[in-house]
């Protein structure tokens, strides 16, 4: 995400700020209007290609918010294997469906974080296509 990205809610530029690391289910906030969004990055060798599925994060907090009818817009950022951003998309909250968030199996009892459960985001199950920003 670039600091110059306009807030999709209030349309002001330079107002999207990073939230503290490990803030549950949100990564950026507009310091003017309070808009919240998640940022999901994925590695891609191809420029401007969005995969059908991307890795989410912790299933528990995501499921609780979905059960309460709360969805945060998504910024999807393609990163090259060398760590350079080379594509960004925006998926508004109103285009998201519960079906696009698919729980993964919990980690095994021998894993360092045994029992932790993540999820996948299946972009094919969104109501509309993400908007390419760059």
N, C-alpha and C. Protein backbone atom coordinates (compact mmCIF):
# COMPACT_ATOMS: atom_id res chain seq x y z
N UNK A 1 0.85 -1.18 0.00
CA UNK A 1 0.00 0.00 0.00
C UNK A 1 0.89 1.23 0.00
N UNK A 2 0.49 2.19 -0.77
CA UNK A 2 1.24 3.43 -0.78
C UNK A 2 0.53 4.47 0.08
N UNK A 3 1.30 5.34 0.65
CA UNK A 3 0.74 6.38 1.51
C UNK A 3 -0.10 7.37 0.72
N UNK A 4 0.05 7.40 -0.59
CA UNK A 4 -0.71 8.34 -1.41
C UNK A 4 -2.05 7.79 -1.87
N UNK A 5 -2.34 6.53 -1.56
CA UNK A 5 -3.61 5.92 -1.95
C UNK A 5 -4.76 6.71 -1.32
N UNK A 6 -5.76 7.05 -2.10
CA UNK A 6 -6.93 7.78 -1.57
C UNK A 6 -7.81 6.86 -0.74
N UNK A 7 -8.41 7.41 0.29
CA UNK A 7 -9.38 6.66 1.09
C UNK A 7 -10.62 6.46 0.22
N UNK A 8 -11.10 5.22 0.08
CA UNK A 8 -12.27 4.99 -0.75
C UNK A 8 -13.57 5.53 -0.15
N UNK A 9 -13.56 5.86 1.13
CA UNK A 9 -14.77 6.37 1.77
C UNK A 9 -14.87 7.89 1.71
N UNK A 10 -13.84 8.59 2.17
CA UNK A 10 -13.90 10.06 2.21
C UNK A 10 -13.19 10.72 1.03
N UNK A 11 -12.43 9.92 0.26
CA UNK A 11 -11.72 10.36 -0.95
C UNK A 11 -10.51 11.25 -0.67
N UNK A 12 -10.13 11.42 0.58
CA UNK A 12 -8.94 12.22 0.89
C UNK A 12 -7.69 11.40 0.63
N UNK A 13 -6.62 12.06 0.20
CA UNK A 13 -5.36 11.36 -0.01
C UNK A 13 -4.46 11.57 1.21
N UNK A 14 -3.52 10.65 1.36
CA UNK A 14 -2.53 10.67 2.43
C UNK A 14 -3.14 10.53 3.83
N UNK A 15 -4.32 9.90 3.92
CA UNK A 15 -4.95 9.73 5.23
C UNK A 15 -4.97 8.26 5.69
N UNK A 16 -4.61 7.32 4.80
CA UNK A 16 -4.58 5.91 5.19
C UNK A 16 -3.30 5.62 5.96
N UNK A 17 -3.45 5.15 7.17
CA UNK A 17 -2.31 4.89 8.07
C UNK A 17 -2.33 3.42 8.50
N UNK A 18 -1.15 2.87 8.72
CA UNK A 18 -1.03 1.49 9.19
C UNK A 18 -1.44 1.39 10.64
N UNK A 19 -2.18 0.34 10.96
CA UNK A 19 -2.51 0.02 12.35
C UNK A 19 -1.36 -0.78 12.95
N UNK A 20 -1.30 -0.92 14.27
CA UNK A 20 -0.22 -1.71 14.88
C UNK A 20 -0.24 -3.15 14.36
N UNK A 21 0.93 -3.75 14.26
CA UNK A 21 1.05 -5.13 13.82
C UNK A 21 0.21 -6.03 14.73
N UNK A 22 -0.43 -7.04 14.15
CA UNK A 22 -1.30 -7.99 14.85
C UNK A 22 -2.61 -7.39 15.34
N UNK A 23 -3.00 -6.22 14.82
CA UNK A 23 -4.34 -5.69 15.08
C UNK A 23 -5.31 -6.63 14.38
N UNK A 24 -6.34 -7.11 15.05
CA UNK A 24 -7.20 -8.15 14.49
C UNK A 24 -8.06 -7.65 13.34
N UNK A 25 -7.93 -8.33 12.21
CA UNK A 25 -8.80 -8.19 11.03
C UNK A 25 -8.72 -6.85 10.29
N UNK A 26 -7.85 -5.95 10.67
CA UNK A 26 -7.70 -4.69 9.95
C UNK A 26 -6.23 -4.29 9.96
N UNK A 27 -5.80 -3.65 8.87
CA UNK A 27 -4.40 -3.26 8.74
C UNK A 27 -4.20 -1.77 8.53
N UNK A 28 -5.21 -1.11 7.96
CA UNK A 28 -5.10 0.33 7.71
C UNK A 28 -6.37 1.04 8.18
N UNK A 29 -6.19 2.30 8.55
CA UNK A 29 -7.31 3.14 8.97
C UNK A 29 -7.13 4.52 8.34
N UNK A 30 -8.23 5.13 7.97
CA UNK A 30 -8.17 6.52 7.50
C UNK A 30 -8.21 7.39 8.74
N UNK A 31 -7.20 8.21 8.93
CA UNK A 31 -7.17 9.04 10.14
C UNK A 31 -8.09 10.26 10.04
N UNK A 32 -8.85 10.35 8.96
CA UNK A 32 -9.86 11.40 8.84
C UNK A 32 -11.27 10.86 9.12
N UNK A 33 -11.67 9.78 8.41
CA UNK A 33 -13.06 9.29 8.51
C UNK A 33 -13.21 7.98 9.28
N UNK A 34 -12.11 7.31 9.60
CA UNK A 34 -12.18 6.07 10.36
C UNK A 34 -12.37 4.81 9.53
N UNK A 35 -12.34 4.93 8.20
CA UNK A 35 -12.45 3.76 7.33
C UNK A 35 -11.39 2.73 7.69
N UNK A 36 -11.78 1.44 7.75
CA UNK A 36 -10.86 0.35 8.06
C UNK A 36 -10.78 -0.61 6.88
N UNK A 37 -9.60 -1.18 6.65
CA UNK A 37 -9.43 -2.17 5.59
C UNK A 37 -8.33 -3.15 5.98
N UNK A 38 -8.39 -4.33 5.35
CA UNK A 38 -7.33 -5.32 5.50
C UNK A 38 -6.43 -5.21 4.28
N UNK A 39 -5.17 -5.53 4.46
CA UNK A 39 -4.21 -5.62 3.36
C UNK A 39 -3.72 -7.05 3.31
N UNK A 40 -3.89 -7.69 2.18
CA UNK A 40 -3.40 -9.05 1.99
C UNK A 40 -2.40 -9.03 0.85
N UNK A 41 -1.20 -9.50 1.13
CA UNK A 41 -0.19 -9.57 0.08
C UNK A 41 0.05 -11.02 -0.30
N UNK A 42 0.49 -11.20 -1.52
CA UNK A 42 0.79 -12.54 -2.01
C UNK A 42 1.94 -12.43 -3.00
N UNK A 43 2.72 -13.49 -3.09
CA UNK A 43 3.85 -13.52 -4.01
C UNK A 43 3.37 -13.95 -5.38
N UNK A 44 3.80 -13.22 -6.39
CA UNK A 44 3.42 -13.54 -7.76
C UNK A 44 4.58 -13.22 -8.69
N UNK A 45 4.89 -14.15 -9.56
CA UNK A 45 5.93 -13.91 -10.56
C UNK A 45 5.41 -13.09 -11.72
N UNK A 46 4.08 -13.12 -11.90
CA UNK A 46 3.46 -12.40 -13.03
C UNK A 46 2.93 -11.05 -12.58
N UNK A 47 3.25 -10.04 -13.33
CA UNK A 47 2.81 -8.69 -13.04
C UNK A 47 1.30 -8.56 -13.29
N UNK A 48 0.61 -7.93 -12.35
CA UNK A 48 -0.81 -7.64 -12.49
C UNK A 48 -1.70 -8.85 -12.71
N UNK A 49 -1.37 -9.97 -12.07
CA UNK A 49 -2.20 -11.18 -12.13
C UNK A 49 -2.70 -11.48 -10.72
N UNK A 50 -4.01 -11.54 -10.60
CA UNK A 50 -4.63 -11.82 -9.32
C UNK A 50 -5.03 -13.29 -9.28
N UNK A 51 -4.57 -14.06 -8.27
CA UNK A 51 -4.94 -15.48 -8.20
C UNK A 51 -6.40 -15.64 -7.77
N UNK A 52 -6.93 -16.83 -7.93
CA UNK A 52 -8.31 -17.11 -7.53
C UNK A 52 -8.45 -17.15 -6.01
N UNK A 53 -7.40 -17.58 -5.32
CA UNK A 53 -7.42 -17.67 -3.87
C UNK A 53 -6.16 -17.06 -3.28
N UNK A 54 -6.33 -16.43 -2.13
CA UNK A 54 -5.16 -15.93 -1.40
C UNK A 54 -5.30 -16.33 0.07
N UNK A 55 -4.20 -16.35 0.75
CA UNK A 55 -4.15 -16.75 2.15
C UNK A 55 -4.72 -15.65 3.03
N UNK A 56 -5.60 -16.03 3.95
CA UNK A 56 -6.12 -15.09 4.93
C UNK A 56 -5.25 -15.10 6.17
N UNK A 57 -5.85 -14.95 7.33
CA UNK A 57 -5.08 -14.95 8.58
C UNK A 57 -5.81 -15.84 9.59
N UNK A 58 -6.06 -15.34 10.78
CA UNK A 58 -6.69 -16.12 11.84
C UNK A 58 -8.20 -16.26 11.59
N UNK A 59 -8.67 -17.49 11.56
CA UNK A 59 -10.07 -17.77 11.27
C UNK A 59 -11.00 -17.30 12.40
N UNK A 60 -10.63 -17.48 13.65
CA UNK A 60 -11.50 -17.13 14.77
C UNK A 60 -12.01 -15.69 14.73
N UNK A 61 -11.11 -14.69 14.73
CA UNK A 61 -11.57 -13.30 14.67
C UNK A 61 -12.34 -12.98 13.39
N UNK A 62 -11.93 -13.56 12.27
CA UNK A 62 -12.63 -13.32 11.00
C UNK A 62 -14.06 -13.85 11.09
N UNK A 63 -14.23 -15.06 11.60
CA UNK A 63 -15.55 -15.68 11.72
C UNK A 63 -16.44 -14.89 12.66
N UNK A 64 -15.90 -14.42 13.78
CA UNK A 64 -16.70 -13.63 14.72
C UNK A 64 -17.22 -12.36 14.06
N UNK A 65 -16.38 -11.68 13.30
CA UNK A 65 -16.83 -10.45 12.63
C UNK A 65 -17.87 -10.76 11.56
N UNK A 66 -17.64 -11.83 10.80
CA UNK A 66 -18.62 -12.20 9.77
C UNK A 66 -19.96 -12.54 10.41
N UNK A 67 -19.96 -13.27 11.51
CA UNK A 67 -21.21 -13.61 12.21
C UNK A 67 -21.94 -12.35 12.67
N UNK A 68 -21.19 -11.29 12.95
CA UNK A 68 -21.78 -10.02 13.37
C UNK A 68 -22.12 -9.13 12.17
N UNK A 69 -21.86 -9.62 10.96
CA UNK A 69 -22.16 -8.84 9.76
C UNK A 69 -21.13 -7.76 9.45
N UNK A 70 -19.93 -7.91 9.99
CA UNK A 70 -18.88 -6.90 9.79
C UNK A 70 -17.86 -7.44 8.80
N UNK A 71 -17.68 -6.71 7.71
CA UNK A 71 -16.69 -7.05 6.69
C UNK A 71 -15.84 -5.81 6.45
N UNK A 72 -14.53 -6.01 6.34
CA UNK A 72 -13.64 -4.90 6.02
C UNK A 72 -13.21 -5.03 4.57
N UNK A 73 -13.12 -3.92 3.89
CA UNK A 73 -12.65 -3.92 2.52
C UNK A 73 -11.25 -4.50 2.47
N UNK A 74 -10.88 -5.04 1.31
CA UNK A 74 -9.58 -5.69 1.14
C UNK A 74 -8.74 -4.96 0.11
N UNK A 75 -7.49 -4.71 0.45
CA UNK A 75 -6.47 -4.31 -0.52
C UNK A 75 -5.63 -5.55 -0.77
N UNK A 76 -5.50 -5.96 -2.00
CA UNK A 76 -4.74 -7.15 -2.38
C UNK A 76 -3.50 -6.69 -3.12
N UNK A 77 -2.33 -7.04 -2.60
CA UNK A 77 -1.07 -6.54 -3.15
C UNK A 77 -0.21 -7.69 -3.65
N UNK A 78 0.10 -7.67 -4.95
CA UNK A 78 1.00 -8.66 -5.54
C UNK A 78 2.44 -8.21 -5.30
N UNK A 79 3.25 -9.11 -4.80
CA UNK A 79 4.65 -8.82 -4.51
C UNK A 79 5.51 -9.80 -5.29
N UNK A 80 6.54 -9.29 -5.95
CA UNK A 80 7.45 -10.16 -6.70
C UNK A 80 8.27 -11.00 -5.73
N UNK A 81 8.88 -12.09 -6.20
CA UNK A 81 9.75 -12.89 -5.32
C UNK A 81 10.88 -12.07 -4.70
N UNK A 82 11.24 -10.97 -5.31
CA UNK A 82 12.29 -10.09 -4.76
C UNK A 82 11.74 -9.05 -3.79
N UNK A 83 10.42 -9.08 -3.56
CA UNK A 83 9.82 -8.19 -2.56
C UNK A 83 9.33 -6.86 -3.08
N UNK A 84 9.25 -6.69 -4.38
CA UNK A 84 8.75 -5.43 -4.94
C UNK A 84 7.26 -5.56 -5.27
N UNK A 85 6.51 -4.54 -4.91
CA UNK A 85 5.08 -4.54 -5.22
C UNK A 85 4.90 -4.38 -6.73
N UNK A 86 4.05 -5.21 -7.32
CA UNK A 86 3.81 -5.05 -8.75
C UNK A 86 2.36 -5.35 -9.14
N UNK A 87 1.46 -4.86 -8.36
CA UNK A 87 0.05 -4.96 -8.65
C UNK A 87 -0.76 -4.77 -7.38
N UNK A 88 -1.86 -4.02 -7.48
CA UNK A 88 -2.71 -3.80 -6.32
C UNK A 88 -4.16 -3.74 -6.77
N UNK A 89 -5.04 -4.37 -5.96
CA UNK A 89 -6.47 -4.40 -6.22
C UNK A 89 -7.21 -4.01 -4.96
N UNK A 90 -8.46 -3.58 -5.15
CA UNK A 90 -9.33 -3.20 -4.03
C UNK A 90 -10.64 -3.94 -4.17
N UNK A 91 -11.07 -4.62 -3.08
CA UNK A 91 -12.35 -5.31 -3.06
C UNK A 91 -13.17 -4.72 -1.92
N UNK A 92 -14.19 -3.91 -2.26
CA UNK A 92 -15.01 -3.29 -1.22
C UNK A 92 -15.75 -4.34 -0.38
N UNK A 93 -16.05 -3.99 0.84
CA UNK A 93 -16.74 -4.90 1.76
C UNK A 93 -18.09 -5.34 1.20
N UNK A 94 -18.79 -4.47 0.49
CA UNK A 94 -20.13 -4.83 0.01
C UNK A 94 -20.11 -5.83 -1.14
N UNK A 95 -18.94 -6.18 -1.67
CA UNK A 95 -18.84 -7.21 -2.71
C UNK A 95 -18.41 -8.55 -2.13
N UNK A 96 -18.21 -8.62 -0.83
CA UNK A 96 -17.74 -9.84 -0.18
C UNK A 96 -18.93 -10.69 0.29
N UNK A 97 -18.72 -12.00 0.30
CA UNK A 97 -19.73 -12.93 0.76
C UNK A 97 -19.12 -13.85 1.82
N UNK A 98 -19.92 -14.42 2.70
CA UNK A 98 -19.38 -15.36 3.68
C UNK A 98 -18.71 -16.57 3.01
N UNK A 99 -19.23 -16.98 1.85
CA UNK A 99 -18.72 -18.16 1.16
C UNK A 99 -17.30 -17.98 0.65
N UNK A 100 -16.85 -16.75 0.50
CA UNK A 100 -15.50 -16.55 -0.02
C UNK A 100 -14.42 -16.73 1.05
N UNK A 101 -14.81 -16.83 2.30
CA UNK A 101 -13.86 -17.04 3.39
C UNK A 101 -13.96 -18.51 3.82
N UNK A 102 -12.93 -19.27 3.52
CA UNK A 102 -12.96 -20.73 3.71
C UNK A 102 -11.95 -21.13 4.79
N UNK A 103 -12.47 -21.70 5.87
CA UNK A 103 -11.61 -22.12 6.99
C UNK A 103 -10.66 -23.23 6.54
N UNK A 104 -9.42 -23.15 7.00
CA UNK A 104 -8.44 -24.21 6.78
C UNK A 104 -8.46 -25.15 7.98
N UNK A 105 -7.84 -26.28 7.85
CA UNK A 105 -7.74 -27.22 8.98
C UNK A 105 -6.85 -26.62 10.06
N UNK A 106 -7.19 -26.84 11.34
CA UNK A 106 -6.33 -26.36 12.43
C UNK A 106 -4.95 -27.03 12.35
N UNK A 107 -3.94 -26.34 12.86
CA UNK A 107 -2.60 -26.92 12.90
C UNK A 107 -2.59 -28.13 13.83
N UNK A 108 -1.75 -29.09 13.51
CA UNK A 108 -1.69 -30.33 14.28
C UNK A 108 -1.14 -30.09 15.69
N UNK A 109 -1.33 -31.07 16.54
CA UNK A 109 -0.89 -30.96 17.93
C UNK A 109 0.63 -30.87 18.05
N UNK A 110 1.36 -31.28 17.01
CA UNK A 110 2.82 -31.21 17.06
C UNK A 110 3.36 -29.88 16.53
N UNK A 111 2.49 -29.04 16.00
CA UNK A 111 2.91 -27.74 15.46
C UNK A 111 3.23 -26.77 16.59
N UNK A 112 4.08 -25.80 16.29
CA UNK A 112 4.45 -24.79 17.28
C UNK A 112 3.22 -24.04 17.79
N UNK A 113 2.28 -23.75 16.91
CA UNK A 113 1.04 -23.05 17.29
C UNK A 113 -0.14 -24.02 17.14
N UNK A 114 -0.06 -25.13 17.81
CA UNK A 114 -1.06 -26.21 17.71
C UNK A 114 -2.47 -25.66 17.89
N UNK A 115 -3.37 -26.11 17.01
CA UNK A 115 -4.77 -25.71 17.09
C UNK A 115 -5.11 -24.42 16.37
N UNK A 116 -4.09 -23.60 16.05
CA UNK A 116 -4.37 -22.34 15.35
C UNK A 116 -5.00 -22.66 14.00
N UNK A 117 -5.98 -21.84 13.59
CA UNK A 117 -6.68 -22.10 12.34
C UNK A 117 -6.70 -20.84 11.48
N UNK A 118 -6.29 -20.99 10.26
CA UNK A 118 -6.31 -19.89 9.31
C UNK A 118 -7.46 -20.07 8.33
N UNK A 119 -7.46 -19.25 7.28
CA UNK A 119 -8.48 -19.36 6.25
C UNK A 119 -7.93 -18.91 4.91
N UNK A 120 -8.66 -19.27 3.87
CA UNK A 120 -8.35 -18.84 2.51
C UNK A 120 -9.44 -17.88 2.06
N UNK A 121 -9.07 -16.95 1.18
CA UNK A 121 -10.04 -16.04 0.58
C UNK A 121 -10.20 -16.47 -0.87
N UNK A 122 -11.39 -16.96 -1.21
CA UNK A 122 -11.69 -17.41 -2.56
C UNK A 122 -12.36 -16.25 -3.31
N UNK A 123 -11.57 -15.56 -4.11
CA UNK A 123 -12.06 -14.36 -4.80
C UNK A 123 -13.12 -14.67 -5.85
N UNK A 124 -13.22 -15.92 -6.28
CA UNK A 124 -14.24 -16.30 -7.28
C UNK A 124 -15.64 -16.25 -6.68
N UNK A 125 -15.74 -16.25 -5.35
CA UNK A 125 -17.04 -16.26 -4.69
C UNK A 125 -17.49 -14.86 -4.25
N UNK A 126 -16.75 -13.84 -4.66
CA UNK A 126 -17.15 -12.46 -4.38
C UNK A 126 -18.30 -12.09 -5.33
N UNK A 127 -19.09 -11.11 -4.95
CA UNK A 127 -20.21 -10.64 -5.76
C UNK A 127 -19.72 -9.95 -7.03
N UNK A 128 -18.55 -9.33 -6.97
CA UNK A 128 -17.96 -8.64 -8.12
C UNK A 128 -16.45 -8.78 -8.10
N UNK A 129 -15.83 -8.33 -9.16
CA UNK A 129 -14.39 -8.43 -9.30
C UNK A 129 -13.68 -7.31 -8.54
N UNK A 130 -12.50 -7.62 -7.97
CA UNK A 130 -11.68 -6.56 -7.36
C UNK A 130 -11.30 -5.51 -8.41
N UNK A 131 -11.17 -4.29 -7.98
CA UNK A 131 -10.81 -3.17 -8.85
C UNK A 131 -9.30 -3.04 -8.87
N UNK A 132 -8.70 -3.06 -10.06
CA UNK A 132 -7.25 -2.94 -10.14
C UNK A 132 -6.85 -1.48 -9.95
N UNK A 133 -5.92 -1.25 -9.02
CA UNK A 133 -5.47 0.10 -8.71
C UNK A 133 -4.10 0.40 -9.30
N UNK A 134 -3.34 -0.61 -9.58
CA UNK A 134 -2.01 -0.36 -10.13
C UNK A 134 -1.20 -1.61 -10.19
